N, C-alpha and C. Protein backbone atom coordinates (compact mmCIF):
# COMPACT_ATOMS: atom_id res chain seq x y z
N MET A 1 229.15 27.83 33.56
CA MET A 1 228.25 28.94 33.83
C MET A 1 227.92 29.64 32.52
N LYS A 2 226.65 29.80 32.24
CA LYS A 2 226.18 30.47 31.03
C LYS A 2 225.78 31.89 31.35
N LYS A 3 225.95 32.77 30.36
CA LYS A 3 225.54 34.18 30.50
C LYS A 3 224.14 34.32 29.94
N ILE A 4 223.24 34.87 30.75
CA ILE A 4 221.85 35.05 30.34
C ILE A 4 221.47 36.51 30.51
N LEU A 5 220.85 37.07 29.46
CA LEU A 5 220.33 38.43 29.49
C LEU A 5 218.81 38.34 29.55
N ILE A 6 218.22 39.01 30.55
CA ILE A 6 216.76 39.03 30.69
C ILE A 6 216.27 40.44 30.39
N ILE A 7 215.28 40.54 29.51
CA ILE A 7 214.71 41.83 29.13
C ILE A 7 213.22 41.80 29.43
N ASP A 8 212.78 42.66 30.35
CA ASP A 8 211.37 42.74 30.71
C ASP A 8 211.12 44.08 31.37
N ASP A 9 209.97 44.68 31.11
CA ASP A 9 209.67 45.98 31.70
C ASP A 9 209.09 45.87 33.10
N GLU A 10 208.86 44.66 33.59
CA GLU A 10 208.35 44.45 34.95
C GLU A 10 209.52 44.07 35.87
N GLU A 11 209.85 44.97 36.80
CA GLU A 11 210.98 44.73 37.69
C GLU A 11 210.82 43.46 38.51
N LEU A 12 209.61 43.16 38.92
CA LEU A 12 209.37 41.95 39.72
C LEU A 12 209.73 40.70 38.92
N ILE A 13 209.38 40.66 37.66
CA ILE A 13 209.72 39.52 36.80
C ILE A 13 211.24 39.43 36.65
N LEU A 14 211.89 40.57 36.43
CA LEU A 14 213.35 40.58 36.32
C LEU A 14 214.00 39.99 37.57
N GLN A 15 213.55 40.45 38.73
CA GLN A 15 214.12 39.98 40.00
C GLN A 15 213.89 38.48 40.19
N LEU A 16 212.68 38.04 39.91
CA LEU A 16 212.32 36.63 40.05
C LEU A 16 213.19 35.75 39.16
N LEU A 17 213.27 36.11 37.89
CA LEU A 17 214.06 35.31 36.95
C LEU A 17 215.55 35.36 37.27
N GLN A 18 216.04 36.54 37.64
CA GLN A 18 217.45 36.67 37.98
C GLN A 18 217.81 35.77 39.15
N LYS A 19 217.02 35.82 40.19
CA LYS A 19 217.28 34.99 41.38
C LYS A 19 217.23 33.50 41.02
N MET A 20 216.20 33.11 40.27
CA MET A 20 216.03 31.72 39.89
C MET A 20 217.22 31.20 39.09
N LEU A 21 217.67 31.99 38.13
CA LEU A 21 218.75 31.54 37.25
C LEU A 21 220.12 31.63 37.91
N GLU A 22 220.31 32.60 38.78
CA GLU A 22 221.56 32.66 39.53
C GLU A 22 221.67 31.48 40.49
N GLU A 23 220.56 31.06 41.06
CA GLU A 23 220.56 29.87 41.92
C GLU A 23 220.97 28.61 41.14
N GLU A 24 220.74 28.62 39.85
CA GLU A 24 221.12 27.50 38.99
C GLU A 24 222.56 27.63 38.50
N GLY A 25 223.25 28.71 38.91
CA GLY A 25 224.66 28.88 38.57
C GLY A 25 224.95 29.73 37.36
N HIS A 26 223.94 30.41 36.82
CA HIS A 26 224.15 31.24 35.63
C HIS A 26 224.54 32.66 36.02
N GLN A 27 225.25 33.33 35.12
CA GLN A 27 225.56 34.75 35.27
C GLN A 27 224.44 35.51 34.57
N VAL A 28 223.75 36.38 35.29
CA VAL A 28 222.55 37.02 34.76
C VAL A 28 222.69 38.55 34.76
N ARG A 29 222.28 39.16 33.64
CA ARG A 29 222.16 40.61 33.55
C ARG A 29 220.72 40.92 33.15
N VAL A 30 220.24 42.09 33.54
CA VAL A 30 218.86 42.45 33.27
C VAL A 30 218.76 43.82 32.60
N ALA A 31 217.68 43.98 31.81
CA ALA A 31 217.38 45.25 31.15
C ALA A 31 215.88 45.48 31.20
N LEU A 32 215.49 46.75 31.39
CA LEU A 32 214.07 47.10 31.51
C LEU A 32 213.35 47.31 30.18
N ASN A 33 214.08 47.29 29.07
CA ASN A 33 213.42 47.39 27.76
C ASN A 33 214.35 46.85 26.68
N GLY A 34 213.78 46.65 25.50
CA GLY A 34 214.53 46.06 24.40
C GLY A 34 215.70 46.90 23.93
N GLU A 35 215.54 48.20 23.94
CA GLU A 35 216.62 49.10 23.50
C GLU A 35 217.85 48.94 24.38
N VAL A 36 217.65 48.99 25.70
CA VAL A 36 218.75 48.82 26.65
C VAL A 36 219.33 47.41 26.53
N GLY A 37 218.47 46.42 26.41
CA GLY A 37 218.92 45.05 26.28
C GLY A 37 219.81 44.83 25.06
N LEU A 38 219.44 45.42 23.94
CA LEU A 38 220.25 45.30 22.73
C LEU A 38 221.62 45.94 22.91
N GLU A 39 221.66 47.09 23.53
CA GLU A 39 222.95 47.75 23.79
C GLU A 39 223.82 46.89 24.69
N MET A 40 223.22 46.31 25.72
CA MET A 40 223.97 45.43 26.61
C MET A 40 224.51 44.23 25.85
N PHE A 41 223.69 43.65 24.99
CA PHE A 41 224.09 42.47 24.21
C PHE A 41 225.24 42.81 23.26
N LYS A 42 225.19 43.99 22.65
CA LYS A 42 226.26 44.40 21.74
C LYS A 42 227.60 44.49 22.46
N HIS A 43 227.59 44.99 23.69
CA HIS A 43 228.83 45.18 24.44
C HIS A 43 229.30 43.90 25.13
N GLU A 44 228.36 43.04 25.50
CA GLU A 44 228.71 41.78 26.14
C GLU A 44 227.66 40.73 25.77
N PRO A 45 227.90 40.00 24.68
CA PRO A 45 226.92 39.01 24.24
C PRO A 45 226.61 37.98 25.32
N ALA A 46 225.41 37.45 25.26
CA ALA A 46 224.95 36.44 26.19
C ALA A 46 224.80 35.11 25.45
N ASP A 47 224.78 34.03 26.21
CA ASP A 47 224.56 32.70 25.64
C ASP A 47 223.08 32.46 25.37
N LEU A 48 222.22 33.22 26.07
CA LEU A 48 220.77 33.07 25.98
C LEU A 48 220.13 34.40 26.34
N VAL A 49 219.05 34.74 25.63
CA VAL A 49 218.28 35.93 25.96
C VAL A 49 216.85 35.52 26.28
N ILE A 50 216.34 36.05 27.38
CA ILE A 50 214.93 35.89 27.73
C ILE A 50 214.30 37.26 27.56
N THR A 51 213.27 37.36 26.73
CA THR A 51 212.65 38.66 26.52
C THR A 51 211.13 38.59 26.60
N ASP A 52 210.58 39.62 27.23
CA ASP A 52 209.13 39.80 27.23
C ASP A 52 208.74 40.23 25.82
N MET A 53 207.52 39.91 25.41
CA MET A 53 207.07 40.30 24.07
C MET A 53 206.39 41.66 24.07
N VAL A 54 205.78 42.06 25.19
CA VAL A 54 205.03 43.31 25.25
C VAL A 54 205.77 44.27 26.19
N MET A 55 206.44 45.26 25.59
CA MET A 55 207.22 46.23 26.36
C MET A 55 207.16 47.58 25.67
N PRO A 56 207.31 48.65 26.44
CA PRO A 56 207.44 49.97 25.82
C PRO A 56 208.84 50.10 25.21
N VAL A 57 209.06 51.12 24.46
CA VAL A 57 210.32 51.47 23.82
C VAL A 57 210.61 50.55 22.63
N LYS A 58 210.75 49.26 22.85
CA LYS A 58 210.98 48.30 21.77
C LYS A 58 210.36 46.97 22.20
N ASP A 59 209.38 46.49 21.43
CA ASP A 59 208.70 45.26 21.81
C ASP A 59 209.59 44.04 21.59
N GLY A 60 209.14 42.91 22.09
CA GLY A 60 209.94 41.70 22.04
C GLY A 60 210.25 41.20 20.65
N LEU A 61 209.30 41.30 19.73
CA LEU A 61 209.54 40.83 18.37
C LEU A 61 210.65 41.65 17.71
N LYS A 62 210.58 42.98 17.82
CA LYS A 62 211.64 43.82 17.26
C LYS A 62 212.98 43.52 17.94
N THR A 63 212.92 43.30 19.24
CA THR A 63 214.14 42.99 19.99
C THR A 63 214.76 41.70 19.47
N ILE A 64 213.96 40.66 19.29
CA ILE A 64 214.48 39.38 18.79
C ILE A 64 215.06 39.55 17.39
N LEU A 65 214.34 40.25 16.52
CA LEU A 65 214.82 40.43 15.14
C LEU A 65 216.13 41.21 15.11
N GLU A 66 216.27 42.22 15.96
CA GLU A 66 217.51 42.99 16.00
C GLU A 66 218.64 42.20 16.66
N LEU A 67 218.31 41.36 17.64
CA LEU A 67 219.32 40.47 18.21
C LEU A 67 219.89 39.56 17.14
N ARG A 68 219.03 39.07 16.28
CA ARG A 68 219.45 38.14 15.22
C ARG A 68 220.33 38.83 14.18
N GLU A 69 220.22 40.15 14.06
CA GLU A 69 221.14 40.88 13.18
C GLU A 69 222.54 40.92 13.79
N ILE A 70 222.62 40.89 15.11
CA ILE A 70 223.90 40.90 15.81
C ILE A 70 224.47 39.49 15.89
N ASP A 71 223.62 38.52 16.24
CA ASP A 71 224.03 37.12 16.40
C ASP A 71 222.86 36.25 15.95
N GLU A 72 222.94 35.73 14.75
CA GLU A 72 221.79 34.99 14.20
C GLU A 72 221.53 33.66 14.88
N GLU A 73 222.45 33.19 15.71
CA GLU A 73 222.30 31.90 16.37
C GLU A 73 221.83 32.00 17.83
N VAL A 74 221.79 33.21 18.40
CA VAL A 74 221.50 33.33 19.84
C VAL A 74 220.12 32.73 20.16
N PRO A 75 220.07 31.81 21.13
CA PRO A 75 218.78 31.26 21.52
C PRO A 75 218.00 32.26 22.36
N VAL A 76 216.68 32.22 22.20
CA VAL A 76 215.80 33.17 22.88
C VAL A 76 214.62 32.45 23.51
N ILE A 77 214.29 32.86 24.73
CA ILE A 77 213.03 32.45 25.35
C ILE A 77 212.13 33.68 25.32
N ALA A 78 211.01 33.58 24.63
CA ALA A 78 210.04 34.68 24.54
C ALA A 78 208.96 34.43 25.59
N ILE A 79 208.70 35.44 26.42
CA ILE A 79 207.68 35.31 27.46
C ILE A 79 206.63 36.39 27.25
N SER A 80 205.39 36.08 27.64
CA SER A 80 204.34 37.09 27.52
C SER A 80 203.16 36.76 28.42
N GLY A 81 202.61 37.82 28.96
CA GLY A 81 201.37 37.72 29.71
C GLY A 81 200.23 38.36 28.94
N GLY A 82 200.52 38.79 27.72
CA GLY A 82 199.51 39.41 26.88
C GLY A 82 199.58 40.92 26.94
N GLY A 83 198.70 41.54 26.21
CA GLY A 83 198.65 42.99 26.11
C GLY A 83 197.35 43.34 25.43
N THR A 84 197.45 44.07 24.32
CA THR A 84 196.24 44.42 23.59
C THR A 84 195.64 43.21 22.88
N ILE A 85 196.47 42.18 22.65
CA ILE A 85 195.95 40.92 22.13
C ILE A 85 196.37 39.81 23.10
N ALA A 86 195.80 38.64 22.95
CA ALA A 86 196.07 37.54 23.87
C ALA A 86 197.54 37.11 23.82
N LYS A 87 198.06 36.67 24.98
CA LYS A 87 199.46 36.26 25.06
C LYS A 87 199.78 35.15 24.08
N GLU A 88 198.82 34.28 23.80
CA GLU A 88 199.05 33.17 22.88
C GLU A 88 199.40 33.68 21.48
N ARG A 89 198.82 34.80 21.08
CA ARG A 89 199.13 35.34 19.75
C ARG A 89 200.55 35.89 19.68
N TYR A 90 200.96 36.62 20.73
CA TYR A 90 202.33 37.12 20.76
C TYR A 90 203.32 35.96 20.71
N LEU A 91 203.04 34.94 21.50
CA LEU A 91 203.94 33.80 21.58
C LEU A 91 203.91 32.97 20.30
N ALA A 92 202.77 32.89 19.64
CA ALA A 92 202.67 32.16 18.38
C ALA A 92 203.56 32.79 17.32
N ILE A 93 203.59 34.10 17.28
CA ILE A 93 204.46 34.80 16.32
C ILE A 93 205.92 34.47 16.61
N ALA A 94 206.31 34.57 17.86
CA ALA A 94 207.71 34.29 18.23
C ALA A 94 208.10 32.84 17.98
N SER A 95 207.15 31.92 18.14
CA SER A 95 207.48 30.50 17.99
C SER A 95 207.84 30.12 16.56
N HIS A 96 207.54 30.98 15.60
CA HIS A 96 207.89 30.70 14.21
C HIS A 96 209.33 31.05 13.89
N LEU A 97 210.02 31.71 14.81
CA LEU A 97 211.42 32.05 14.60
C LEU A 97 212.30 30.89 15.04
N ASP A 98 213.41 30.71 14.36
CA ASP A 98 214.34 29.64 14.72
C ASP A 98 214.96 29.88 16.08
N ASN A 99 215.17 28.79 16.81
CA ASN A 99 215.89 28.83 18.08
C ASN A 99 215.18 29.69 19.14
N VAL A 100 213.84 29.69 19.09
CA VAL A 100 213.03 30.44 20.06
C VAL A 100 212.08 29.46 20.74
N VAL A 101 212.06 29.53 22.06
CA VAL A 101 211.10 28.77 22.86
C VAL A 101 210.19 29.78 23.54
N THR A 102 208.92 29.49 23.63
CA THR A 102 207.98 30.43 24.24
C THR A 102 207.47 29.88 25.58
N VAL A 103 207.27 30.82 26.51
CA VAL A 103 206.72 30.48 27.84
C VAL A 103 205.70 31.56 28.20
N ALA A 104 204.49 31.13 28.55
CA ALA A 104 203.44 32.08 28.92
C ALA A 104 203.56 32.47 30.39
N LYS A 105 203.22 33.74 30.68
CA LYS A 105 203.11 34.19 32.06
C LYS A 105 201.72 33.81 32.54
N PRO A 106 201.50 33.50 33.79
CA PRO A 106 202.48 33.54 34.86
C PRO A 106 203.51 32.43 34.68
N LEU A 107 204.76 32.77 34.98
CA LEU A 107 205.88 31.87 34.78
C LEU A 107 205.99 30.86 35.91
N SER A 108 206.36 29.65 35.55
CA SER A 108 206.67 28.66 36.59
C SER A 108 208.16 28.36 36.51
N ARG A 109 208.74 28.03 37.65
CA ARG A 109 210.16 27.70 37.71
C ARG A 109 210.48 26.55 36.75
N ALA A 110 209.64 25.52 36.76
CA ALA A 110 209.88 24.36 35.91
C ALA A 110 209.86 24.73 34.44
N ASP A 111 208.90 25.55 34.01
CA ASP A 111 208.81 25.94 32.60
C ASP A 111 210.05 26.72 32.16
N ILE A 112 210.49 27.66 33.00
CA ILE A 112 211.67 28.46 32.65
C ILE A 112 212.92 27.59 32.61
N LEU A 113 213.13 26.79 33.65
CA LEU A 113 214.35 25.96 33.69
C LEU A 113 214.36 24.91 32.57
N ASN A 114 213.21 24.36 32.23
CA ASN A 114 213.14 23.42 31.11
C ASN A 114 213.49 24.11 29.78
N ALA A 115 212.99 25.32 29.61
CA ALA A 115 213.30 26.08 28.38
C ALA A 115 214.78 26.42 28.31
N VAL A 116 215.37 26.82 29.43
CA VAL A 116 216.80 27.13 29.47
C VAL A 116 217.60 25.88 29.11
N ARG A 117 217.28 24.76 29.71
CA ARG A 117 218.00 23.50 29.42
C ARG A 117 217.85 23.10 27.96
N GLU A 118 216.64 23.27 27.42
CA GLU A 118 216.39 22.90 26.02
C GLU A 118 217.27 23.71 25.08
N LEU A 119 217.45 24.99 25.37
CA LEU A 119 218.20 25.85 24.46
C LEU A 119 219.71 25.87 24.71
N LEU A 120 220.13 25.59 25.91
CA LEU A 120 221.56 25.70 26.22
C LEU A 120 222.32 24.37 26.31
N PHE A 121 221.59 23.28 26.48
CA PHE A 121 222.30 22.01 26.70
C PHE A 121 221.88 20.94 25.73
C-alpha cells in the first residue's frame, strides 16, 4: 500500500481521486491548497503527490518546488484544467521537472492509474 497525498482546491476532484485510489488499495490524504498540503507532507511524507497546478493560496508549481526542498525525489502527478492560460501551458512547465507526470483535466481513471503506476512501480 502506497501513501498518496492529493492537493486540489476542487472538493469534487479530491473526492473522485481519493475514492479511485483507495479502491486500488492506496492510503490517501487530501488537502484543499498547496500550503496545507506541504504542512501535511512535512508531518507525514507520501510516496506520491498529486497536485493541481491552478489553486489559490499556493499554486501547483510553487507547491512542487517546495515539496522538492523537503524531498527531492518525491514523484508528482501535476493536473490542470487551465486557468488564466491554457492547461497545456501549466502542464508543459511542470513536465520539465524531474519525476513529474502531467495529466490534463477532465481526468480519466485510466490516465490517473497509468500515471500512478508509472511513478510508483
